[in-house]
Amino acid sequence: MSSIVLFPTRIFSKKLVSAPAFLKSLKEESLLICEKDGAGLKWSKENYPRGFTSYGSLDQLHLFSSSFDELRKKIDPCVAAYAKELGFKIRKNEIQLTRMWVNIMGEGCTHPLHIHPLSVISGTFYVDTPAGTSSLKFEDPRLQNFMARPPAENPYYHFKPKNGDVVLFESWLKHEVPPNSTSKRRISVSFNYDWL
């Protein structure tokens, strides 16, 4: 007798970029956005302590920056492969990038548990992740349905990113970033793909 695995939660990850020059260019542009984005700085001060995100202000970086559009071109084939792996019944180009934004997490900055409503596939590309910076923490999606079940050994999965990595997941999957415990900034680019 054997058990079968039903309805697995799939997370896609890949070393997307290894060229130091491209990572350096994205890092410099991300820091420049942080410096110049007044609305993002104001929003982050109120909602993202010890960090910066352009989520609420500049969230379509791929539309006005050649560097971020180049990143989109590298991510698109990964999303297509992931959608195929998930068994989506879609035509080519039905799922497209709609939002892309920068996150810069200083020491102690955290991103609480959340989902990405109305999107299909979400993900993050890691620009600068110094040793010891936070993982990306996923919650077991069955957790809310457990009733009289004994506790699981660990209902979380920690993805430990490195520079140049991309991770993709379905947008309904709860995830968070624990506090950055180092004095070095953790720089990433997050994005949503929607079914259009």
N, C-alpha and C. Protein backbone atom coordinates (compact mmCIF):
# COMPACT_ATOMS: atom_id res chain seq x y z
N MET A 1 0.85 -1.19 0.00
CA MET A 1 0.00 0.00 0.00
C MET A 1 0.89 1.24 0.00
N SER A 2 0.46 2.27 -0.74
CA SER A 2 1.25 3.51 -0.77
C SER A 2 0.31 4.70 -0.81
N SER A 3 0.83 5.85 -0.40
CA SER A 3 0.03 7.07 -0.44
C SER A 3 0.32 7.80 -1.74
N ILE A 4 -0.60 8.66 -2.13
CA ILE A 4 -0.39 9.47 -3.33
C ILE A 4 -0.38 10.94 -2.93
N VAL A 5 0.26 11.75 -3.73
CA VAL A 5 0.32 13.19 -3.47
C VAL A 5 -0.69 13.87 -4.38
N LEU A 6 -1.61 14.62 -3.78
CA LEU A 6 -2.64 15.33 -4.54
C LEU A 6 -2.45 16.83 -4.42
N PHE A 7 -2.66 17.53 -5.51
CA PHE A 7 -2.71 18.99 -5.53
C PHE A 7 -1.50 19.64 -4.85
N PRO A 8 -0.30 19.38 -5.35
CA PRO A 8 0.89 19.96 -4.71
C PRO A 8 0.97 21.47 -4.91
N THR A 9 1.62 22.14 -4.00
CA THR A 9 1.91 23.57 -4.12
C THR A 9 3.28 23.68 -4.80
N ARG A 10 3.31 24.27 -5.97
CA ARG A 10 4.55 24.35 -6.73
C ARG A 10 5.18 25.73 -6.62
N ILE A 11 6.46 25.76 -6.33
CA ILE A 11 7.23 27.00 -6.31
C ILE A 11 8.38 26.83 -7.28
N PHE A 12 8.53 27.79 -8.18
CA PHE A 12 9.56 27.73 -9.22
C PHE A 12 10.72 28.63 -8.80
N SER A 13 11.94 28.12 -8.91
CA SER A 13 13.09 28.98 -8.65
C SER A 13 14.22 28.64 -9.62
N LYS A 14 15.02 29.64 -9.92
CA LYS A 14 16.09 29.47 -10.91
C LYS A 14 17.12 30.58 -10.73
N LYS A 15 18.38 30.25 -11.01
CA LYS A 15 19.40 31.30 -11.12
C LYS A 15 19.15 31.95 -12.47
N LEU A 16 18.64 33.16 -12.45
CA LEU A 16 18.23 33.84 -13.68
C LEU A 16 19.35 34.68 -14.28
N VAL A 17 20.14 35.30 -13.41
CA VAL A 17 21.20 36.21 -13.87
C VAL A 17 22.47 35.92 -13.10
N SER A 18 23.57 35.80 -13.82
CA SER A 18 24.86 35.64 -13.14
C SER A 18 25.82 36.76 -13.51
N ALA A 19 25.42 37.62 -14.46
CA ALA A 19 26.29 38.71 -14.91
C ALA A 19 26.36 39.81 -13.86
N PRO A 20 27.53 40.04 -13.24
CA PRO A 20 27.66 41.08 -12.20
C PRO A 20 27.28 42.47 -12.71
N ALA A 21 27.56 42.77 -13.97
CA ALA A 21 27.29 44.11 -14.51
C ALA A 21 25.78 44.39 -14.51
N PHE A 22 24.98 43.38 -14.88
CA PHE A 22 23.53 43.58 -14.91
C PHE A 22 22.98 43.77 -13.49
N LEU A 23 23.46 42.96 -12.56
CA LEU A 23 23.03 43.10 -11.17
C LEU A 23 23.43 44.45 -10.60
N LYS A 24 24.63 44.90 -10.94
CA LYS A 24 25.11 46.21 -10.47
C LYS A 24 24.24 47.33 -11.02
N SER A 25 23.87 47.23 -12.30
CA SER A 25 23.01 48.23 -12.93
C SER A 25 21.65 48.30 -12.25
N LEU A 26 21.06 47.12 -11.96
CA LEU A 26 19.77 47.09 -11.27
C LEU A 26 19.87 47.64 -9.85
N LYS A 27 20.96 47.33 -9.18
CA LYS A 27 21.15 47.83 -7.81
C LYS A 27 21.24 49.35 -7.82
N GLU A 28 22.04 49.90 -8.72
CA GLU A 28 22.21 51.36 -8.79
C GLU A 28 20.89 52.05 -9.12
N GLU A 29 20.14 51.46 -10.06
CA GLU A 29 18.86 52.08 -10.43
C GLU A 29 17.85 51.96 -9.29
N SER A 30 17.87 50.84 -8.58
CA SER A 30 16.97 50.66 -7.44
C SER A 30 17.25 51.70 -6.36
N LEU A 31 18.52 51.92 -6.07
CA LEU A 31 18.89 52.92 -5.05
C LEU A 31 18.53 54.33 -5.50
N LEU A 32 18.64 54.59 -6.81
CA LEU A 32 18.26 55.90 -7.35
C LEU A 32 16.76 56.12 -7.22
N ILE A 33 15.99 55.07 -7.51
CA ILE A 33 14.53 55.16 -7.35
C ILE A 33 14.19 55.47 -5.90
N CYS A 34 14.86 54.79 -4.99
CA CYS A 34 14.64 55.02 -3.56
C CYS A 34 14.93 56.47 -3.19
N GLU A 35 15.96 57.02 -3.77
CA GLU A 35 16.36 58.40 -3.46
C GLU A 35 15.39 59.43 -4.03
N LYS A 36 14.84 59.16 -5.23
CA LYS A 36 14.05 60.16 -5.95
C LYS A 36 12.53 60.01 -5.81
N ASP A 37 12.06 58.85 -5.39
CA ASP A 37 10.62 58.58 -5.36
C ASP A 37 10.01 59.13 -4.07
N GLY A 38 9.63 60.40 -4.12
CA GLY A 38 9.08 61.07 -2.94
C GLY A 38 7.83 60.39 -2.40
N ALA A 39 6.92 60.02 -3.31
CA ALA A 39 5.67 59.37 -2.87
C ALA A 39 5.97 58.01 -2.24
N GLY A 40 6.92 57.28 -2.82
CA GLY A 40 7.30 55.98 -2.27
C GLY A 40 7.97 56.10 -0.92
N LEU A 41 8.81 57.12 -0.76
CA LEU A 41 9.47 57.36 0.52
C LEU A 41 8.45 57.68 1.61
N LYS A 42 7.47 58.51 1.25
CA LYS A 42 6.43 58.89 2.21
C LYS A 42 5.60 57.67 2.60
N TRP A 43 5.19 56.86 1.61
CA TRP A 43 4.38 55.68 1.88
C TRP A 43 5.17 54.68 2.73
N SER A 44 6.45 54.50 2.39
CA SER A 44 7.29 53.54 3.12
C SER A 44 7.51 53.96 4.56
N LYS A 45 7.65 55.27 4.78
CA LYS A 45 7.85 55.77 6.15
C LYS A 45 6.67 55.40 7.04
N GLU A 46 5.47 55.46 6.46
CA GLU A 46 4.26 55.18 7.22
C GLU A 46 3.93 53.68 7.30
N ASN A 47 4.29 52.93 6.26
CA ASN A 47 3.82 51.55 6.14
C ASN A 47 4.91 50.47 6.08
N TYR A 48 6.17 50.88 5.93
CA TYR A 48 7.25 49.91 5.70
C TYR A 48 8.48 50.35 6.48
N PRO A 49 8.37 50.36 7.82
CA PRO A 49 9.45 50.90 8.66
C PRO A 49 10.82 50.27 8.37
N ARG A 50 11.84 51.12 8.32
CA ARG A 50 13.24 50.74 8.09
C ARG A 50 13.47 50.15 6.69
N GLY A 51 12.51 50.45 5.79
CA GLY A 51 12.67 49.96 4.43
C GLY A 51 12.06 50.91 3.41
N PHE A 52 12.20 50.56 2.15
CA PHE A 52 11.60 51.34 1.06
C PHE A 52 11.01 50.36 0.04
N THR A 53 9.83 50.69 -0.44
CA THR A 53 9.24 49.97 -1.56
C THR A 53 8.56 50.96 -2.49
N SER A 54 8.65 50.72 -3.78
CA SER A 54 7.96 51.57 -4.75
C SER A 54 6.60 50.97 -5.11
N TYR A 55 6.15 50.00 -4.32
CA TYR A 55 4.88 49.31 -4.58
C TYR A 55 3.71 50.28 -4.72
N GLY A 56 3.64 51.27 -3.86
CA GLY A 56 2.51 52.20 -3.87
C GLY A 56 2.70 53.42 -4.73
N SER A 57 3.80 53.48 -5.47
CA SER A 57 4.08 54.70 -6.24
C SER A 57 4.57 54.38 -7.65
N LEU A 58 5.68 53.69 -7.76
CA LEU A 58 6.25 53.33 -9.07
C LEU A 58 6.21 51.81 -9.19
N ASP A 59 5.10 51.29 -9.67
CA ASP A 59 4.92 49.84 -9.70
C ASP A 59 4.86 49.25 -11.11
N GLN A 60 5.31 50.04 -12.08
CA GLN A 60 5.41 49.55 -13.47
C GLN A 60 6.78 49.91 -14.04
N LEU A 61 7.80 49.53 -13.30
CA LEU A 61 9.17 49.90 -13.67
C LEU A 61 9.57 49.39 -15.04
N HIS A 62 9.00 48.27 -15.46
CA HIS A 62 9.33 47.69 -16.77
C HIS A 62 8.86 48.56 -17.93
N LEU A 63 7.94 49.50 -17.67
CA LEU A 63 7.41 50.35 -18.75
C LEU A 63 8.25 51.60 -19.00
N PHE A 64 9.09 51.98 -18.04
CA PHE A 64 9.87 53.20 -18.28
C PHE A 64 11.36 53.05 -18.04
N SER A 65 11.83 51.85 -17.74
CA SER A 65 13.25 51.62 -17.52
C SER A 65 13.72 50.46 -18.39
N SER A 66 14.75 50.68 -19.19
CA SER A 66 15.26 49.61 -20.06
C SER A 66 15.86 48.48 -19.22
N SER A 67 16.45 48.80 -18.08
CA SER A 67 17.02 47.76 -17.21
C SER A 67 15.93 46.82 -16.69
N PHE A 68 14.84 47.41 -16.21
CA PHE A 68 13.76 46.60 -15.67
C PHE A 68 12.99 45.88 -16.77
N ASP A 69 12.92 46.48 -17.97
CA ASP A 69 12.30 45.78 -19.09
C ASP A 69 13.16 44.60 -19.53
N GLU A 70 14.47 44.75 -19.46
CA GLU A 70 15.37 43.64 -19.75
C GLU A 70 15.16 42.51 -18.74
N LEU A 71 14.95 42.87 -17.49
CA LEU A 71 14.64 41.87 -16.47
C LEU A 71 13.34 41.16 -16.81
N ARG A 72 12.33 41.91 -17.22
CA ARG A 72 11.04 41.30 -17.62
C ARG A 72 11.26 40.27 -18.73
N LYS A 73 12.08 40.62 -19.71
CA LYS A 73 12.34 39.70 -20.82
C LYS A 73 12.99 38.40 -20.35
N LYS A 74 13.76 38.48 -19.28
CA LYS A 74 14.39 37.28 -18.72
C LYS A 74 13.40 36.45 -17.89
N ILE A 75 12.44 37.15 -17.27
CA ILE A 75 11.46 36.46 -16.42
C ILE A 75 10.35 35.81 -17.23
N ASP A 76 9.93 36.45 -18.34
CA ASP A 76 8.80 35.96 -19.15
C ASP A 76 8.88 34.47 -19.48
N PRO A 77 10.03 33.95 -19.97
CA PRO A 77 10.09 32.51 -20.28
C PRO A 77 9.94 31.62 -19.05
N CYS A 78 10.40 32.09 -17.91
CA CYS A 78 10.24 31.33 -16.66
C CYS A 78 8.77 31.23 -16.29
N VAL A 79 8.04 32.34 -16.44
CA VAL A 79 6.61 32.35 -16.13
C VAL A 79 5.87 31.42 -17.08
N ALA A 80 6.23 31.43 -18.36
CA ALA A 80 5.59 30.54 -19.33
C ALA A 80 5.83 29.07 -18.96
N ALA A 81 7.06 28.74 -18.57
CA ALA A 81 7.39 27.37 -18.18
C ALA A 81 6.64 26.97 -16.90
N TYR A 82 6.57 27.90 -15.96
CA TYR A 82 5.88 27.64 -14.69
C TYR A 82 4.38 27.44 -14.93
N ALA A 83 3.78 28.30 -15.77
CA ALA A 83 2.35 28.17 -16.09
C ALA A 83 2.06 26.81 -16.72
N LYS A 84 2.97 26.35 -17.56
CA LYS A 84 2.82 25.03 -18.19
C LYS A 84 2.91 23.93 -17.13
N GLU A 85 3.85 24.07 -16.22
CA GLU A 85 4.02 23.11 -15.12
C GLU A 85 2.77 23.06 -14.24
N LEU A 86 2.12 24.21 -14.06
CA LEU A 86 0.90 24.28 -13.25
C LEU A 86 -0.31 23.74 -13.98
N GLY A 87 -0.17 23.49 -15.30
CA GLY A 87 -1.27 22.94 -16.08
C GLY A 87 -2.32 23.96 -16.49
N PHE A 88 -1.95 25.24 -16.53
CA PHE A 88 -2.91 26.28 -16.92
C PHE A 88 -3.36 26.07 -18.37
N LYS A 89 -4.66 26.18 -18.61
CA LYS A 89 -5.19 26.10 -19.96
C LYS A 89 -5.32 27.52 -20.50
N ILE A 90 -4.25 28.00 -21.08
CA ILE A 90 -4.20 29.38 -21.57
C ILE A 90 -3.53 29.41 -22.93
N ARG A 91 -3.82 30.49 -23.68
CA ARG A 91 -3.13 30.71 -24.94
C ARG A 91 -1.84 31.48 -24.68
N LYS A 92 -0.95 31.47 -25.61
CA LYS A 92 0.32 32.18 -25.48
C LYS A 92 0.06 33.66 -25.19
N ASN A 93 0.80 34.20 -24.26
CA ASN A 93 0.75 35.62 -23.88
C ASN A 93 -0.53 36.05 -23.17
N GLU A 94 -1.36 35.09 -22.71
CA GLU A 94 -2.55 35.48 -21.94
C GLU A 94 -2.17 35.94 -20.54
N ILE A 95 -1.05 35.44 -20.02
CA ILE A 95 -0.57 35.88 -18.71
C ILE A 95 0.59 36.84 -18.96
N GLN A 96 0.44 38.07 -18.48
CA GLN A 96 1.43 39.12 -18.75
C GLN A 96 1.81 39.88 -17.48
N LEU A 97 3.02 40.40 -17.50
CA LEU A 97 3.49 41.23 -16.39
C LEU A 97 2.70 42.53 -16.35
N THR A 98 2.15 42.85 -15.18
CA THR A 98 1.39 44.10 -15.04
C THR A 98 2.03 45.05 -14.03
N ARG A 99 2.72 44.50 -13.02
CA ARG A 99 3.31 45.36 -11.99
C ARG A 99 4.70 44.84 -11.64
N MET A 100 5.62 45.79 -11.44
CA MET A 100 6.99 45.46 -11.06
C MET A 100 7.51 46.60 -10.19
N TRP A 101 8.02 46.28 -9.01
CA TRP A 101 8.44 47.33 -8.08
C TRP A 101 9.69 46.90 -7.31
N VAL A 102 10.35 47.88 -6.71
CA VAL A 102 11.60 47.67 -5.96
C VAL A 102 11.30 47.57 -4.47
N ASN A 103 12.06 46.71 -3.77
CA ASN A 103 12.01 46.62 -2.31
C ASN A 103 13.44 46.73 -1.78
N ILE A 104 13.63 47.61 -0.82
CA ILE A 104 14.93 47.74 -0.16
C ILE A 104 14.68 47.63 1.34
N MET A 105 15.18 46.54 1.93
CA MET A 105 14.93 46.26 3.34
C MET A 105 16.18 46.54 4.16
N GLY A 106 16.09 47.52 5.05
CA GLY A 106 17.19 47.81 5.96
C GLY A 106 17.13 46.89 7.17
N GLU A 107 18.03 47.10 8.09
CA GLU A 107 18.08 46.27 9.29
C GLU A 107 16.77 46.37 10.07
N GLY A 108 16.18 45.23 10.40
CA GLY A 108 14.94 45.20 11.16
C GLY A 108 13.68 45.31 10.33
N CYS A 109 13.82 45.62 9.04
CA CYS A 109 12.64 45.74 8.17
C CYS A 109 12.04 44.36 7.94
N THR A 110 10.73 44.29 7.95
CA THR A 110 10.01 43.03 7.74
C THR A 110 8.85 43.26 6.78
N HIS A 111 8.39 42.19 6.17
CA HIS A 111 7.22 42.27 5.30
C HIS A 111 6.24 41.20 5.78
N PRO A 112 5.14 41.60 6.44
CA PRO A 112 4.25 40.62 7.07
C PRO A 112 3.53 39.72 6.07
N LEU A 113 2.95 38.66 6.60
CA LEU A 113 2.25 37.64 5.82
C LEU A 113 1.19 38.29 4.92
N HIS A 114 1.19 37.92 3.63
CA HIS A 114 0.24 38.52 2.69
C HIS A 114 0.11 37.65 1.45
N ILE A 115 -0.84 38.02 0.59
CA ILE A 115 -1.02 37.41 -0.72
C ILE A 115 -1.03 38.56 -1.74
N HIS A 116 -1.14 38.23 -3.03
CA HIS A 116 -1.23 39.25 -4.08
C HIS A 116 -2.58 39.10 -4.78
N PRO A 117 -3.63 39.74 -4.26
CA PRO A 117 -4.97 39.57 -4.80
C PRO A 117 -5.07 39.95 -6.28
N LEU A 118 -5.90 39.24 -7.00
CA LEU A 118 -6.25 39.49 -8.40
C LEU A 118 -5.14 39.16 -9.40
N SER A 119 -3.98 38.72 -8.92
CA SER A 119 -2.92 38.29 -9.83
C SER A 119 -2.92 36.76 -9.90
N VAL A 120 -2.16 36.23 -10.85
CA VAL A 120 -2.10 34.78 -11.05
C VAL A 120 -0.76 34.22 -10.58
N ILE A 121 0.31 34.81 -11.08
CA ILE A 121 1.66 34.41 -10.70
C ILE A 121 2.39 35.62 -10.17
N SER A 122 3.01 35.48 -9.03
CA SER A 122 3.82 36.55 -8.45
C SER A 122 5.23 36.03 -8.25
N GLY A 123 6.13 36.94 -7.99
CA GLY A 123 7.50 36.49 -7.77
C GLY A 123 8.42 37.60 -7.36
N THR A 124 9.67 37.22 -7.15
CA THR A 124 10.70 38.16 -6.74
C THR A 124 12.02 37.79 -7.41
N PHE A 125 12.72 38.83 -7.84
CA PHE A 125 14.07 38.67 -8.36
C PHE A 125 15.00 39.32 -7.34
N TYR A 126 16.10 38.64 -7.02
CA TYR A 126 16.99 39.10 -5.96
C TYR A 126 18.22 39.78 -6.54
N VAL A 127 18.33 41.08 -6.25
CA VAL A 127 19.40 41.92 -6.78
C VAL A 127 20.62 41.89 -5.88
N ASP A 128 20.41 42.09 -4.58
CA ASP A 128 21.53 42.13 -3.63
C ASP A 128 21.06 41.53 -2.31
N THR A 129 21.54 40.34 -2.01
CA THR A 129 21.14 39.64 -0.79
C THR A 129 22.39 39.26 0.00
N PRO A 130 22.93 40.19 0.78
CA PRO A 130 24.13 39.88 1.58
C PRO A 130 23.90 38.70 2.51
N ALA A 131 24.97 38.00 2.86
CA ALA A 131 24.88 36.84 3.74
C ALA A 131 24.14 37.20 5.02
N GLY A 132 23.22 36.34 5.41
CA GLY A 132 22.48 36.55 6.66
C GLY A 132 21.20 37.33 6.51
N THR A 133 20.91 37.87 5.31
CA THR A 133 19.64 38.59 5.15
C THR A 133 18.49 37.60 5.08
N SER A 134 17.28 38.10 5.18
CA SER A 134 16.08 37.28 5.34
C SER A 134 15.79 36.35 4.18
N SER A 135 15.13 35.24 4.55
CA SER A 135 14.60 34.31 3.55
C SER A 135 13.23 34.82 3.09
N LEU A 136 12.64 34.10 2.15
CA LEU A 136 11.24 34.31 1.77
C LEU A 136 10.48 33.13 2.37
N LYS A 137 9.55 33.41 3.24
CA LYS A 137 8.89 32.38 4.04
C LYS A 137 7.48 32.12 3.51
N PHE A 138 7.21 30.88 3.10
CA PHE A 138 5.90 30.48 2.60
C PHE A 138 5.15 29.69 3.67
N GLU A 139 3.83 29.94 3.75
CA GLU A 139 2.98 29.21 4.70
C GLU A 139 2.26 28.08 3.99
N ASP A 140 2.16 26.94 4.65
CA ASP A 140 1.39 25.80 4.14
C ASP A 140 -0.04 26.27 3.88
N PRO A 141 -0.52 26.20 2.62
CA PRO A 141 -1.87 26.74 2.33
C PRO A 141 -3.00 25.95 2.97
N ARG A 142 -2.70 24.76 3.48
CA ARG A 142 -3.73 23.95 4.15
C ARG A 142 -3.95 24.37 5.60
N LEU A 143 -3.06 25.20 6.11
CA LEU A 143 -3.04 25.52 7.55
C LEU A 143 -4.39 26.02 8.06
N GLN A 144 -5.06 26.86 7.28
CA GLN A 144 -6.34 27.42 7.72
C GLN A 144 -7.45 26.38 7.79
N ASN A 145 -7.23 25.22 7.16
CA ASN A 145 -8.26 24.19 7.15
C ASN A 145 -8.04 23.09 8.19
N PHE A 146 -6.91 23.12 8.87
CA PHE A 146 -6.65 22.11 9.89
C PHE A 146 -7.60 22.33 11.07
N MET A 147 -8.19 21.25 11.56
CA MET A 147 -9.13 21.36 12.68
C MET A 147 -8.56 20.64 13.90
N ALA A 148 -8.84 19.36 14.05
CA ALA A 148 -8.37 18.63 15.23
C ALA A 148 -7.04 17.93 14.96
N ARG A 149 -6.35 18.38 13.93
CA ARG A 149 -5.10 17.75 13.51
C ARG A 149 -3.95 18.13 14.45
N PRO A 150 -3.08 17.18 14.81
CA PRO A 150 -1.90 17.55 15.61
C PRO A 150 -1.02 18.53 14.84
N PRO A 151 -0.27 19.37 15.53
CA PRO A 151 0.56 20.35 14.82
C PRO A 151 1.62 19.67 13.95
N ALA A 152 1.91 20.28 12.81
CA ALA A 152 2.95 19.77 11.92
C ALA A 152 4.31 20.19 12.45
N GLU A 153 5.32 19.45 12.06
CA GLU A 153 6.68 19.76 12.51
C GLU A 153 7.08 21.17 12.10
N ASN A 154 6.77 21.55 10.85
CA ASN A 154 7.07 22.90 10.39
C ASN A 154 6.14 23.24 9.23
N PRO A 155 5.12 24.08 9.48
CA PRO A 155 4.18 24.42 8.40
C PRO A 155 4.67 25.55 7.50
N TYR A 156 5.98 25.79 7.49
CA TYR A 156 6.55 26.86 6.68
C TYR A 156 7.71 26.35 5.85
N TYR A 157 7.93 27.01 4.72
CA TYR A 157 9.10 26.70 3.89
C TYR A 157 9.88 28.01 3.72
N HIS A 158 11.18 27.95 3.94
CA HIS A 158 12.03 29.13 3.81
C HIS A 158 12.86 29.02 2.53
N PHE A 159 12.59 29.91 1.59
CA PHE A 159 13.41 30.00 0.37
C PHE A 159 14.55 30.96 0.67
N LYS A 160 15.78 30.49 0.56
CA LYS A 160 16.95 31.32 0.87
C LYS A 160 17.57 31.82 -0.42
N PRO A 161 17.27 33.07 -0.79
CA PRO A 161 17.70 33.58 -2.09
C PRO A 161 19.18 33.97 -2.13
N LYS A 162 19.68 33.94 -3.35
CA LYS A 162 21.03 34.45 -3.63
C LYS A 162 20.91 35.46 -4.76
N ASN A 163 21.90 36.30 -4.90
CA ASN A 163 21.90 37.30 -5.97
C ASN A 163 21.66 36.63 -7.32
N GLY A 164 20.74 37.19 -8.09
CA GLY A 164 20.46 36.67 -9.43
C GLY A 164 19.39 35.60 -9.48
N ASP A 165 18.86 35.19 -8.30
CA ASP A 165 17.80 34.18 -8.27
C ASP A 165 16.44 34.81 -8.56
N VAL A 166 15.56 34.01 -9.16
CA VAL A 166 14.16 34.40 -9.28
C VAL A 166 13.33 33.29 -8.64
N VAL A 167 12.26 33.67 -7.96
CA VAL A 167 11.32 32.70 -7.40
C VAL A 167 9.92 33.10 -7.86
N LEU A 168 9.14 32.11 -8.29
CA LEU A 168 7.77 32.33 -8.74
C LEU A 168 6.83 31.46 -7.90
N PHE A 169 5.63 31.99 -7.65
CA PHE A 169 4.64 31.24 -6.89
C PHE A 169 3.26 31.74 -7.29
N GLU A 170 2.25 30.92 -7.04
CA GLU A 170 0.89 31.36 -7.33
C GLU A 170 0.52 32.46 -6.34
N SER A 171 -0.16 33.47 -6.84
CA SER A 171 -0.39 34.70 -6.08
C SER A 171 -1.23 34.51 -4.82
N TRP A 172 -1.98 33.41 -4.73
CA TRP A 172 -2.81 33.15 -3.55
C TRP A 172 -2.00 32.58 -2.39
N LEU A 173 -0.75 32.19 -2.62
CA LEU A 173 0.05 31.54 -1.59
C LEU A 173 0.56 32.56 -0.57
N LYS A 174 0.23 32.37 0.70
CA LYS A 174 0.66 33.32 1.73
C LYS A 174 2.17 33.25 1.93
N HIS A 175 2.77 34.42 2.03
CA HIS A 175 4.22 34.50 2.19
C HIS A 175 4.58 35.76 2.96
N GLU A 176 5.79 35.77 3.50
CA GLU A 176 6.28 36.93 4.24
C GLU A 176 7.80 36.95 4.18
N VAL A 177 8.35 38.08 4.58
CA VAL A 177 9.81 38.21 4.72
C VAL A 177 10.09 38.56 6.17
N PRO A 178 10.75 37.65 6.91
CA PRO A 178 11.08 37.93 8.31
C PRO A 178 12.02 39.13 8.41
N PRO A 179 12.20 39.69 9.61
CA PRO A 179 13.05 40.87 9.78
C PRO A 179 14.48 40.64 9.27
N ASN A 180 14.99 41.63 8.59
CA ASN A 180 16.39 41.59 8.14
C ASN A 180 17.27 41.78 9.38
N SER A 181 18.04 40.75 9.70
CA SER A 181 18.83 40.79 10.94
C SER A 181 20.24 41.32 10.73
N THR A 182 20.55 41.78 9.51
CA THR A 182 21.89 42.32 9.26
C THR A 182 21.81 43.83 9.05
N SER A 183 22.95 44.48 9.08
CA SER A 183 23.00 45.92 8.86
C SER A 183 23.05 46.25 7.38
N LYS A 184 23.12 45.23 6.53
CA LYS A 184 23.22 45.44 5.07
C LYS A 184 21.84 45.40 4.43
N ARG A 185 21.68 46.21 3.40
CA ARG A 185 20.38 46.29 2.72
C ARG A 185 20.13 45.05 1.84
N ARG A 186 18.90 44.60 1.87
CA ARG A 186 18.45 43.48 1.03
C ARG A 186 17.62 44.10 -0.09
N ILE A 187 18.07 43.96 -1.34
CA ILE A 187 17.42 44.62 -2.48
C ILE A 187 16.81 43.57 -3.40
N SER A 188 15.54 43.74 -3.69
CA SER A 188 14.85 42.80 -4.57
C SER A 188 13.84 43.55 -5.45
N VAL A 189 13.38 42.86 -6.47
CA VAL A 189 12.36 43.39 -7.38
C VAL A 189 11.21 42.38 -7.38
N SER A 190 10.04 42.83 -6.98
CA SER A 190 8.86 41.96 -6.96
C SER A 190 7.96 42.29 -8.13
N PHE A 191 7.08 41.35 -8.48
CA PHE A 191 6.25 41.55 -9.69
C PHE A 191 5.02 40.66 -9.64
N ASN A 192 4.02 41.06 -10.42
CA ASN A 192 2.78 40.30 -10.60
C ASN A 192 2.51 40.08 -12.07
N TYR A 193 2.10 38.86 -12.39
CA TYR A 193 1.60 38.54 -13.73
C TYR A 193 0.11 38.28 -13.61
N ASP A 194 -0.68 38.89 -14.50
CA ASP A 194 -2.13 38.77 -14.46
C ASP A 194 -2.63 38.01 -15.69
N TRP A 195 -3.83 37.44 -15.55
CA TRP A 195 -4.49 36.75 -16.67
C TRP A 195 -5.28 37.79 -17.42
N LEU A 196 -4.80 38.16 -18.60
CA LEU A 196 -5.43 39.23 -19.38
C LEU A 196 -6.22 38.68 -20.55
